[in-house]
Amino acid sequence: SRELLQAVRDAMKAHRRAWEVGVSHRDVSTGNVLISERPEDRLRGFLRDFDYS
């Protein structure tokens, strides 16, 4: 759906921002992208697990 694509785009933006400040994630995978669904908001994507950065 369009909302899911927007959530994935959010996670991609997070990856780009991390890269811009010198952080390399090294483990971008489906297990490290979280999608939050709040009733008052749209789906949002987050990138997690920066342990190996």
PDB file of N, CA and C in Angstrom:
ATOM      1  N   SER A   1       0.835  -1.183   0.000  1.00  0.00           N
ATOM      2  CA  SER A   1       0.000   0.000   0.000  1.00  0.00           C
ATOM      3  C   SER A   1       0.880   1.246   0.000  1.00  0.00           C
ATOM      4  N   ARG A   2       0.270   2.342  -0.228  1.00  0.00           N
ATOM      5  CA  ARG A   2       0.989   3.619  -0.240  1.00  0.00           C
ATOM      6  C   ARG A   2       1.594   3.925   1.132  1.00  0.00           C
ATOM      7  N   GLU A   3       0.856   3.598   2.199  1.00  0.00           N
ATOM      8  CA  GLU A   3       1.360   3.841   3.553  1.00  0.00           C
ATOM      9  C   GLU A   3       2.606   3.010   3.837  1.00  0.00           C
ATOM     10  N   LEU A   4       2.608   1.771   3.407  1.00  0.00           N
ATOM     11  CA  LEU A   4       3.770   0.909   3.616  1.00  0.00           C
ATOM     12  C   LEU A   4       4.980   1.455   2.873  1.00  0.00           C
ATOM     13  N   LEU A   5       4.787   1.902   1.652  1.00  0.00           N
ATOM     14  CA  LEU A   5       5.893   2.497   0.898  1.00  0.00           C
ATOM     15  C   LEU A   5       6.437   3.735   1.605  1.00  0.00           C
ATOM     16  N   GLN A   6       5.558   4.537   2.187  1.00  0.00           N
ATOM     17  CA  GLN A   6       6.008   5.723   2.925  1.00  0.00           C
ATOM     18  C   GLN A   6       6.823   5.319   4.149  1.00  0.00           C
ATOM     19  N   ALA A   7       6.422   4.267   4.833  1.00  0.00           N
ATOM     20  CA  ALA A   7       7.166   3.796   6.001  1.00  0.00           C
ATOM     21  C   ALA A   7       8.555   3.308   5.595  1.00  0.00           C
ATOM     22  N   VAL A   8       8.648   2.594   4.482  1.00  0.00           N
ATOM     23  CA  VAL A   8       9.955   2.143   3.990  1.00  0.00           C
ATOM     24  C   VAL A   8      10.797   3.349   3.593  1.00  0.00           C
ATOM     25  N   ARG A   9      10.181   4.333   2.998  1.00  0.00           N
ATOM     26  CA  ARG A   9      10.902   5.556   2.632  1.00  0.00           C
ATOM     27  C   ARG A   9      11.451   6.253   3.874  1.00  0.00           C
ATOM     28  N   ASP A  10      10.689   6.273   4.956  1.00  0.00           N
ATOM     29  CA  ASP A  10      11.168   6.855   6.218  1.00  0.00           C
ATOM     30  C   ASP A  10      12.449   6.164   6.681  1.00  0.00           C
ATOM     31  N   ALA A  11      12.456   4.841   6.621  1.00  0.00           N
ATOM     32  CA  ALA A  11      13.636   4.087   7.046  1.00  0.00           C
ATOM     33  C   ALA A  11      14.824   4.387   6.134  1.00  0.00           C
ATOM     34  N   MET A  12      14.575   4.532   4.846  1.00  0.00           N
ATOM     35  CA  MET A  12      15.652   4.868   3.909  1.00  0.00           C
ATOM     36  C   MET A  12      16.211   6.261   4.201  1.00  0.00           C
ATOM     37  N   LYS A  13      15.342   7.185   4.546  1.00  0.00           N
ATOM     38  CA  LYS A  13      15.797   8.531   4.910  1.00  0.00           C
ATOM     39  C   LYS A  13      16.661   8.481   6.165  1.00  0.00           C
ATOM     40  N   ALA A  14      16.279   7.650   7.123  1.00  0.00           N
ATOM     41  CA  ALA A  14      17.077   7.506   8.345  1.00  0.00           C
ATOM     42  C   ALA A  14      18.463   6.974   8.014  1.00  0.00           C
ATOM     43  N   HIS A  15      18.524   6.020   7.105  1.00  0.00           N
ATOM     44  CA  HIS A  15      19.821   5.470   6.693  1.00  0.00           C
ATOM     45  C   HIS A  15      20.676   6.548   6.038  1.00  0.00           C
ATOM     46  N   ARG A  16      20.085   7.331   5.159  1.00  0.00           N
ATOM     47  CA  ARG A  16      20.824   8.400   4.485  1.00  0.00           C
ATOM     48  C   ARG A  16      21.326   9.441   5.489  1.00  0.00           C
ATOM     49  N   ARG A  17      20.484   9.816   6.440  1.00  0.00           N
ATOM     50  CA  ARG A  17      20.903  10.809   7.439  1.00  0.00           C
ATOM     51  C   ARG A  17      22.049  10.288   8.294  1.00  0.00           C
ATOM     52  N   ALA A  18      21.976   9.019   8.663  1.00  0.00           N
ATOM     53  CA  ALA A  18      23.074   8.424   9.437  1.00  0.00           C
ATOM     54  C   ALA A  18      24.360   8.474   8.621  1.00  0.00           C
ATOM     55  N   TRP A  19      24.267   8.116   7.350  1.00  0.00           N
ATOM     56  CA  TRP A  19      25.444   8.120   6.463  1.00  0.00           C
ATOM     57  C   TRP A  19      26.025   9.531   6.346  1.00  0.00           C
ATOM     58  N   GLU A  20      25.169  10.535   6.250  1.00  0.00           N
ATOM     59  CA  GLU A  20      25.611  11.921   6.108  1.00  0.00           C
ATOM     60  C   GLU A  20      26.400  12.405   7.316  1.00  0.00           C
ATOM     61  N   VAL A  21      26.153  11.845   8.492  1.00  0.00           N
ATOM     62  CA  VAL A  21      26.904  12.244   9.681  1.00  0.00           C
ATOM     63  C   VAL A  21      28.021  11.255  10.009  1.00  0.00           C
ATOM     64  N   GLY A  22      28.303  10.349   9.060  1.00  0.00           N
ATOM     65  CA  GLY A  22      29.443   9.460   9.217  1.00  0.00           C
ATOM     66  C   GLY A  22      29.162   8.124   9.879  1.00  0.00           C
ATOM     67  N   VAL A  23      27.900   7.744   9.996  1.00  0.00           N
ATOM     68  CA  VAL A  23      27.553   6.464  10.617  1.00  0.00           C
ATOM     69  C   VAL A  23      27.149   5.487   9.524  1.00  0.00           C
ATOM     70  N   SER A  24      27.824   4.354   9.479  1.00  0.00           N
ATOM     71  CA  SER A  24      27.488   3.303   8.525  1.00  0.00           C
ATOM     72  C   SER A  24      26.741   2.199   9.268  1.00  0.00           C
ATOM     73  N   HIS A  25      25.514   1.937   8.892  1.00  0.00           N
ATOM     74  CA  HIS A  25      24.678   0.984   9.629  1.00  0.00           C
ATOM     75  C   HIS A  25      25.193  -0.444   9.520  1.00  0.00           C
ATOM     76  N   ARG A  26      25.538  -0.909   8.353  1.00  0.00           N
ATOM     77  CA  ARG A  26      26.113  -2.233   8.062  1.00  0.00           C
ATOM     78  C   ARG A  26      25.165  -3.413   8.197  1.00  0.00           C
ATOM     79  N   ASP A  27      23.944  -3.226   8.622  1.00  0.00           N
ATOM     80  CA  ASP A  27      23.029  -4.361   8.763  1.00  0.00           C
ATOM     81  C   ASP A  27      21.585  -3.956   8.471  1.00  0.00           C
ATOM     82  N   VAL A  28      21.370  -3.316   7.329  1.00  0.00           N
ATOM     83  CA  VAL A  28      20.009  -2.951   6.957  1.00  0.00           C
ATOM     84  C   VAL A  28      19.320  -4.202   6.425  1.00  0.00           C
ATOM     85  N   SER A  29      18.274  -4.611   7.097  1.00  0.00           N
ATOM     86  CA  SER A  29      17.520  -5.803   6.701  1.00  0.00           C
ATOM     87  C   SER A  29      16.080  -5.640   7.173  1.00  0.00           C
ATOM     88  N   THR A  30      15.236  -6.552   6.765  1.00  0.00           N
ATOM     89  CA  THR A  30      13.830  -6.457   7.169  1.00  0.00           C
ATOM     90  C   THR A  30      13.674  -6.528   8.683  1.00  0.00           C
ATOM     91  N   GLY A  31      14.585  -7.199   9.365  1.00  0.00           N
ATOM     92  CA  GLY A  31      14.510  -7.293  10.817  1.00  0.00           C
ATOM     93  C   GLY A  31      14.901  -6.021  11.532  1.00  0.00           C
ATOM     94  N   ASN A  32      15.541  -5.094  10.824  1.00  0.00           N
ATOM     95  CA  ASN A  32      15.990  -3.854  11.447  1.00  0.00           C
ATOM     96  C   ASN A  32      15.194  -2.630  11.002  1.00  0.00           C
ATOM     97  N   VAL A  33      14.128  -2.862  10.287  1.00  0.00           N
ATOM     98  CA  VAL A  33      13.212  -1.781   9.927  1.00  0.00           C
ATOM     99  C   VAL A  33      11.923  -2.005  10.703  1.00  0.00           C
ATOM    100  N   LEU A  34      11.603  -1.057  11.553  1.00  0.00           N
ATOM    101  CA  LEU A  34      10.374  -1.132  12.342  1.00  0.00           C
ATOM    102  C   LEU A  34       9.323  -0.224  11.721  1.00  0.00           C
ATOM    103  N   ILE A  35       8.094  -0.655  11.794  1.00  0.00           N
ATOM    104  CA  ILE A  35       6.991   0.157  11.293  1.00  0.00           C
ATOM    105  C   ILE A  35       6.033   0.404  12.444  1.00  0.00           C
ATOM    106  N   SER A  36       5.801   1.667  12.718  1.00  0.00           N
ATOM    107  CA  SER A  36       4.914   2.064  13.808  1.00  0.00           C
ATOM    108  C   SER A  36       3.574   2.489  13.227  1.00  0.00           C
ATOM    109  N   GLU A  37       2.520   1.979  13.810  1.00  0.00           N
ATOM    110  CA  GLU A  37       1.181   2.358  13.383  1.00  0.00           C
ATOM    111  C   GLU A  37       0.441   2.947  14.577  1.00  0.00           C
ATOM    112  N   ARG A  38       0.294   4.262  14.542  1.00  0.00           N
ATOM    113  CA  ARG A  38      -0.438   4.938  15.607  1.00  0.00           C
ATOM    114  C   ARG A  38      -1.775   5.391  15.044  1.00  0.00           C
ATOM    115  N   PRO A  39      -2.836   5.210  15.787  1.00  0.00           N
ATOM    116  CA  PRO A  39      -4.165   5.552  15.263  1.00  0.00           C
ATOM    117  C   PRO A  39      -4.287   7.004  14.795  1.00  0.00           C
ATOM    118  N   GLU A  40      -3.594   7.908  15.444  1.00  0.00           N
ATOM    119  CA  GLU A  40      -3.721   9.324  15.094  1.00  0.00           C
ATOM    120  C   GLU A  40      -2.741   9.762  14.012  1.00  0.00           C
ATOM    121  N   ASP A  41      -1.954   8.837  13.485  1.00  0.00           N
ATOM    122  CA  ASP A  41      -0.900   9.191  12.540  1.00  0.00           C
ATOM    123  C   ASP A  41      -0.815   8.140  11.441  1.00  0.00           C
ATOM    124  N   ARG A  42      -0.013   8.395  10.452  1.00  0.00           N
ATOM    125  CA  ARG A  42       0.225   7.431   9.377  1.00  0.00           C
ATOM    126  C   ARG A  42       1.276   6.418   9.825  1.00  0.00           C
ATOM    127  N   LEU A  43       1.482   5.390   9.015  1.00  0.00           N
ATOM    128  CA  LEU A  43       2.559   4.445   9.297  1.00  0.00           C
ATOM    129  C   LEU A  43       3.890   5.172   9.197  1.00  0.00           C
ATOM    130  N   ARG A  44       4.801   4.855  10.089  1.00  0.00           N
ATOM    131  CA  ARG A  44       6.139   5.450  10.057  1.00  0.00           C
ATOM    132  C   ARG A  44       7.168   4.342  10.140  1.00  0.00           C
ATOM    133  N   GLY A  45       8.247   4.512   9.397  1.00  0.00           N
ATOM    134  CA  GLY A  45       9.321   3.527   9.414  1.00  0.00           C
ATOM    135  C   GLY A  45      10.515   4.039  10.193  1.00  0.00           C
ATOM    136  N   PHE A  46      11.171   3.122  10.889  1.00  0.00           N
ATOM    137  CA  PHE A  46      12.339   3.455  11.701  1.00  0.00           C
ATOM    138  C   PHE A  46      13.433   2.436  11.429  1.00  0.00           C
ATOM    139  N   LEU A  47      14.655   2.876  11.487  1.00  0.00           N
ATOM    140  CA  LEU A  47      15.802   1.992  11.343  1.00  0.00           C
ATOM    141  C   LEU A  47      16.403   1.785  12.726  1.00  0.00           C
ATOM    142  N   ARG A  48      16.627   0.528  13.094  1.00  0.00           N
ATOM    143  CA  ARG A  48      17.144   0.241  14.432  1.00  0.00           C
ATOM    144  C   ARG A  48      18.389  -0.627  14.339  1.00  0.00           C
ATOM    145  N   ASP A  49      18.954  -0.932  15.495  1.00  0.00           N
ATOM    146  CA  ASP A  49      20.084  -1.841  15.638  1.00  0.00           C
ATOM    147  C   ASP A  49      21.360  -1.275  15.014  1.00  0.00           C
ATOM    148  N   PHE A  50      21.861  -0.232  15.634  1.00  0.00           N
ATOM    149  CA  PHE A  50      23.108   0.375  15.177  1.00  0.00           C
ATOM    150  C   PHE A  50      24.313  -0.211  15.918  1.00  0.00           C
ATOM    151  N   ASP A  51      24.184  -1.410  16.473  1.00  0.00           N
ATOM    152  CA  ASP A  51      25.256  -2.026  17.260  1.00  0.00           C
ATOM    153  C   ASP A  51      26.561  -2.175  16.494  1.00  0.00           C
ATOM    154  N   TYR A  52      26.497  -2.487  15.207  1.00  0.00           N
ATOM    155  CA  TYR A  52      27.712  -2.721  14.421  1.00  0.00           C
ATOM    156  C   TYR A  52      28.165  -1.492  13.655  1.00  0.00           C
ATOM    157  N   SER A  53      27.592  -0.341  13.967  1.00  0.00           N
ATOM    158  CA  SER A  53      27.938   0.890  13.260  1.00  0.00           C
ATOM    159  C   SER A  53      29.297   1.399  13.675  1.00  0.00           C
TER     160      SER A  53
END
